[in-house]
Amino acid sequence: MLVEAAHRLNIQTVILDAPGAPAKQINALHPHVDGSFASADSIRELAKECDVLTYEIEHIDTKVLEEIDGQVEVSCRSQAVAPDKLC
């Protein structure tokens, strides 16, 4: 898991997920964003807190990723990405 490795290296991560999600529990030293990957508003809120935005799921609002690309670096970490997804 990306957040677990980042935590060991003392790299700050901000997680977008449901309250109490496992990734949020691994790195509880920093504030996180409660919300959904499918919510453009949640993704924008996350992007405000980040220099680099990376995701490991293809069920994400790609239109908002295209919108914020350039404001933050957008990086896809999925191994099996659908052809219509920004990556």
N, C-alpha and C. Protein backbone atom coordinates (compact mmCIF):
# COMPACT_ATOMS: atom_id res chain seq x y z
N MET A 1 0.85 -1.17 0.00
CA MET A 1 0.00 0.00 0.00
C MET A 1 0.90 1.24 0.00
N LEU A 2 0.57 2.16 -0.87
CA LEU A 2 1.36 3.37 -1.05
C LEU A 2 1.47 4.21 0.21
N VAL A 3 0.37 4.38 0.93
CA VAL A 3 0.39 5.23 2.12
C VAL A 3 1.25 4.62 3.23
N GLU A 4 1.28 3.31 3.31
CA GLU A 4 2.10 2.63 4.32
C GLU A 4 3.59 2.89 4.06
N ALA A 5 4.02 2.77 2.81
CA ALA A 5 5.42 3.03 2.46
C ALA A 5 5.76 4.50 2.67
N ALA A 6 4.87 5.39 2.30
CA ALA A 6 5.11 6.83 2.48
C ALA A 6 5.23 7.17 3.96
N HIS A 7 4.39 6.57 4.78
CA HIS A 7 4.43 6.83 6.22
C HIS A 7 5.78 6.43 6.81
N ARG A 8 6.32 5.29 6.39
CA ARG A 8 7.63 4.85 6.90
C ARG A 8 8.74 5.81 6.50
N LEU A 9 8.56 6.51 5.39
CA LEU A 9 9.56 7.47 4.91
C LEU A 9 9.26 8.90 5.39
N ASN A 10 8.26 9.04 6.26
CA ASN A 10 7.86 10.33 6.81
C ASN A 10 7.39 11.30 5.71
N ILE A 11 6.72 10.76 4.70
CA ILE A 11 6.14 11.56 3.63
C ILE A 11 4.67 11.78 3.96
N GLN A 12 4.26 13.02 3.98
CA GLN A 12 2.88 13.35 4.30
C GLN A 12 1.95 12.91 3.18
N THR A 13 0.88 12.24 3.53
CA THR A 13 -0.14 11.84 2.58
C THR A 13 -1.49 12.34 3.06
N VAL A 14 -2.35 12.64 2.12
CA VAL A 14 -3.72 13.03 2.41
C VAL A 14 -4.61 12.06 1.64
N ILE A 15 -5.49 11.39 2.35
CA ILE A 15 -6.30 10.32 1.76
C ILE A 15 -7.73 10.80 1.55
N LEU A 16 -8.29 10.50 0.39
CA LEU A 16 -9.71 10.70 0.12
C LEU A 16 -10.40 9.35 0.22
N ASP A 17 -11.26 9.20 1.20
CA ASP A 17 -11.98 7.95 1.39
C ASP A 17 -13.04 8.17 2.45
N ALA A 18 -13.78 7.12 2.75
CA ALA A 18 -14.81 7.18 3.79
C ALA A 18 -14.15 7.38 5.16
N PRO A 19 -14.87 7.97 6.10
CA PRO A 19 -14.32 8.11 7.45
C PRO A 19 -13.90 6.74 8.01
N GLY A 20 -12.77 6.67 8.66
CA GLY A 20 -12.30 5.43 9.26
C GLY A 20 -11.71 4.44 8.29
N ALA A 21 -11.46 4.83 7.04
CA ALA A 21 -10.88 3.92 6.06
C ALA A 21 -9.50 3.45 6.53
N PRO A 22 -9.11 2.23 6.20
CA PRO A 22 -7.83 1.69 6.66
C PRO A 22 -6.62 2.56 6.31
N ALA A 23 -6.58 3.13 5.12
CA ALA A 23 -5.44 3.96 4.73
C ALA A 23 -5.33 5.19 5.63
N LYS A 24 -6.46 5.73 6.04
CA LYS A 24 -6.45 6.89 6.94
C LYS A 24 -5.92 6.51 8.31
N GLN A 25 -6.14 5.29 8.72
CA GLN A 25 -5.68 4.83 10.03
C GLN A 25 -4.18 4.60 10.05
N ILE A 26 -3.59 4.23 8.92
CA ILE A 26 -2.14 4.01 8.85
C ILE A 26 -1.40 5.30 9.10
N ASN A 27 -1.86 6.38 8.50
CA ASN A 27 -1.21 7.67 8.66
C ASN A 27 -2.22 8.64 9.25
N ALA A 28 -2.40 8.58 10.55
CA ALA A 28 -3.39 9.41 11.23
C ALA A 28 -2.80 10.72 11.74
N LEU A 29 -1.57 11.03 11.34
CA LEU A 29 -0.90 12.24 11.82
C LEU A 29 -1.31 13.47 11.04
N HIS A 30 -1.91 13.30 9.88
CA HIS A 30 -2.26 14.42 9.02
C HIS A 30 -3.76 14.38 8.74
N PRO A 31 -4.37 15.52 8.46
CA PRO A 31 -5.80 15.53 8.13
C PRO A 31 -6.06 14.85 6.79
N HIS A 32 -7.21 14.25 6.66
CA HIS A 32 -7.61 13.58 5.43
C HIS A 32 -8.93 14.16 4.95
N VAL A 33 -9.38 13.73 3.79
CA VAL A 33 -10.63 14.21 3.20
C VAL A 33 -11.65 13.08 3.24
N ASP A 34 -12.79 13.33 3.87
CA ASP A 34 -13.90 12.38 3.85
C ASP A 34 -14.71 12.62 2.59
N GLY A 35 -14.91 11.58 1.81
CA GLY A 35 -15.69 11.74 0.58
C GLY A 35 -15.58 10.53 -0.30
N SER A 36 -15.99 10.74 -1.55
CA SER A 36 -16.05 9.66 -2.53
C SER A 36 -15.15 9.95 -3.72
N PHE A 37 -14.59 8.89 -4.29
CA PHE A 37 -13.78 9.01 -5.50
C PHE A 37 -14.62 9.50 -6.67
N ALA A 38 -15.93 9.25 -6.61
CA ALA A 38 -16.83 9.64 -7.70
C ALA A 38 -17.32 11.08 -7.57
N SER A 39 -16.96 11.74 -6.49
CA SER A 39 -17.41 13.11 -6.26
C SER A 39 -16.37 14.13 -6.73
N ALA A 40 -16.75 14.94 -7.70
CA ALA A 40 -15.84 15.97 -8.20
C ALA A 40 -15.44 16.94 -7.09
N ASP A 41 -16.38 17.28 -6.23
CA ASP A 41 -16.08 18.20 -5.13
C ASP A 41 -15.06 17.61 -4.16
N SER A 42 -15.19 16.32 -3.86
CA SER A 42 -14.23 15.66 -2.96
C SER A 42 -12.84 15.63 -3.58
N ILE A 43 -12.77 15.35 -4.87
CA ILE A 43 -11.47 15.31 -5.55
C ILE A 43 -10.84 16.70 -5.58
N ARG A 44 -11.64 17.72 -5.83
CA ARG A 44 -11.12 19.10 -5.80
C ARG A 44 -10.60 19.46 -4.40
N GLU A 45 -11.35 19.06 -3.38
CA GLU A 45 -10.94 19.33 -1.99
C GLU A 45 -9.60 18.64 -1.69
N LEU A 46 -9.45 17.40 -2.14
CA LEU A 46 -8.19 16.68 -1.97
C LEU A 46 -7.06 17.39 -2.70
N ALA A 47 -7.31 17.80 -3.93
CA ALA A 47 -6.27 18.45 -4.74
C ALA A 47 -5.76 19.74 -4.10
N LYS A 48 -6.61 20.44 -3.37
CA LYS A 48 -6.20 21.67 -2.68
C LYS A 48 -5.13 21.39 -1.62
N GLU A 49 -5.10 20.17 -1.12
CA GLU A 49 -4.17 19.79 -0.05
C GLU A 49 -2.89 19.13 -0.57
N CYS A 50 -2.78 18.95 -1.89
CA CYS A 50 -1.71 18.12 -2.44
C CYS A 50 -0.88 18.84 -3.50
N ASP A 51 0.36 18.41 -3.63
CA ASP A 51 1.21 18.80 -4.74
C ASP A 51 1.12 17.76 -5.86
N VAL A 52 0.93 16.51 -5.47
CA VAL A 52 0.81 15.39 -6.41
C VAL A 52 -0.45 14.61 -6.03
N LEU A 53 -1.25 14.29 -7.01
CA LEU A 53 -2.46 13.51 -6.79
C LEU A 53 -2.29 12.19 -7.51
N THR A 54 -2.37 11.10 -6.77
CA THR A 54 -2.23 9.78 -7.37
C THR A 54 -3.41 8.93 -6.95
N TYR A 55 -3.82 8.01 -7.82
CA TYR A 55 -4.95 7.16 -7.49
C TYR A 55 -4.68 5.74 -7.93
N GLU A 56 -5.31 4.80 -7.23
CA GLU A 56 -5.09 3.38 -7.50
C GLU A 56 -6.38 2.68 -7.88
N ILE A 57 -7.34 3.43 -8.34
CA ILE A 57 -8.65 2.87 -8.66
C ILE A 57 -9.15 3.53 -9.94
N GLU A 58 -9.83 2.76 -10.78
CA GLU A 58 -10.31 3.37 -12.01
C GLU A 58 -11.72 3.92 -11.90
N HIS A 59 -12.36 3.76 -10.76
CA HIS A 59 -13.70 4.30 -10.54
C HIS A 59 -13.59 5.71 -9.96
N ILE A 60 -13.14 6.63 -10.79
CA ILE A 60 -12.90 7.99 -10.34
C ILE A 60 -13.40 8.94 -11.42
N ASP A 61 -13.82 10.11 -11.02
CA ASP A 61 -14.33 11.11 -11.97
C ASP A 61 -13.16 11.65 -12.80
N THR A 62 -13.01 11.15 -14.01
CA THR A 62 -11.86 11.55 -14.84
C THR A 62 -11.99 12.96 -15.38
N LYS A 63 -13.20 13.45 -15.50
CA LYS A 63 -13.37 14.83 -15.99
C LYS A 63 -12.74 15.82 -15.03
N VAL A 64 -12.92 15.60 -13.74
CA VAL A 64 -12.31 16.51 -12.76
C VAL A 64 -10.79 16.34 -12.74
N LEU A 65 -10.28 15.14 -13.01
CA LEU A 65 -8.82 14.95 -13.09
C LEU A 65 -8.24 15.77 -14.23
N GLU A 66 -8.93 15.77 -15.37
CA GLU A 66 -8.48 16.58 -16.50
C GLU A 66 -8.53 18.07 -16.15
N GLU A 67 -9.54 18.47 -15.39
CA GLU A 67 -9.71 19.87 -14.97
C GLU A 67 -8.57 20.33 -14.05
N ILE A 68 -8.18 19.49 -13.10
CA ILE A 68 -7.16 19.91 -12.13
C ILE A 68 -5.74 19.60 -12.59
N ASP A 69 -5.60 18.79 -13.64
CA ASP A 69 -4.26 18.51 -14.17
C ASP A 69 -3.63 19.84 -14.60
N GLY A 70 -2.48 20.13 -14.08
CA GLY A 70 -1.83 21.41 -14.31
C GLY A 70 -1.81 22.24 -13.03
N GLN A 71 -2.84 22.07 -12.19
CA GLN A 71 -2.85 22.70 -10.86
C GLN A 71 -2.04 21.85 -9.89
N VAL A 72 -2.17 20.55 -10.02
CA VAL A 72 -1.37 19.58 -9.29
C VAL A 72 -0.94 18.52 -10.30
N GLU A 73 0.09 17.78 -9.97
CA GLU A 73 0.50 16.67 -10.84
C GLU A 73 -0.46 15.51 -10.61
N VAL A 74 -1.00 14.96 -11.68
CA VAL A 74 -1.94 13.83 -11.59
C VAL A 74 -1.22 12.59 -12.09
N SER A 75 -1.19 11.54 -11.25
CA SER A 75 -0.46 10.32 -11.58
C SER A 75 -1.34 9.12 -11.29
N CYS A 76 -1.51 8.25 -12.27
CA CYS A 76 -2.29 7.03 -12.09
C CYS A 76 -1.37 5.91 -11.64
N ARG A 77 -1.77 5.15 -10.62
CA ARG A 77 -0.97 4.05 -10.11
C ARG A 77 -1.65 2.70 -10.35
N SER A 78 -2.70 2.66 -11.14
CA SER A 78 -3.42 1.43 -11.38
C SER A 78 -2.69 0.56 -12.40
N GLN A 79 -2.74 -0.74 -12.21
CA GLN A 79 -2.10 -1.66 -13.16
C GLN A 79 -3.04 -2.03 -14.29
N ALA A 80 -4.32 -1.92 -14.06
CA ALA A 80 -5.31 -2.28 -15.09
C ALA A 80 -6.28 -1.11 -15.23
N VAL A 81 -5.96 -0.20 -16.10
CA VAL A 81 -6.77 1.01 -16.25
C VAL A 81 -7.62 0.87 -17.52
N ALA A 82 -8.88 1.22 -17.38
CA ALA A 82 -9.76 1.20 -18.53
C ALA A 82 -9.27 2.22 -19.56
N PRO A 83 -9.46 1.95 -20.85
CA PRO A 83 -8.90 2.81 -21.89
C PRO A 83 -9.39 4.26 -21.86
N ASP A 84 -10.57 4.52 -21.29
CA ASP A 84 -11.08 5.87 -21.28
C ASP A 84 -10.70 6.65 -20.02
N LYS A 85 -9.80 6.14 -19.23
CA LYS A 85 -9.39 6.78 -17.99
C LYS A 85 -8.12 7.57 -18.19
N LEU A 86 -8.03 8.73 -17.54
CA LEU A 86 -6.83 9.55 -17.59
C LEU A 86 -5.72 8.85 -16.83
N CYS A 87 -4.62 8.59 -17.48
CA CYS A 87 -3.52 7.92 -16.82
C CYS A 87 -2.22 8.25 -17.53
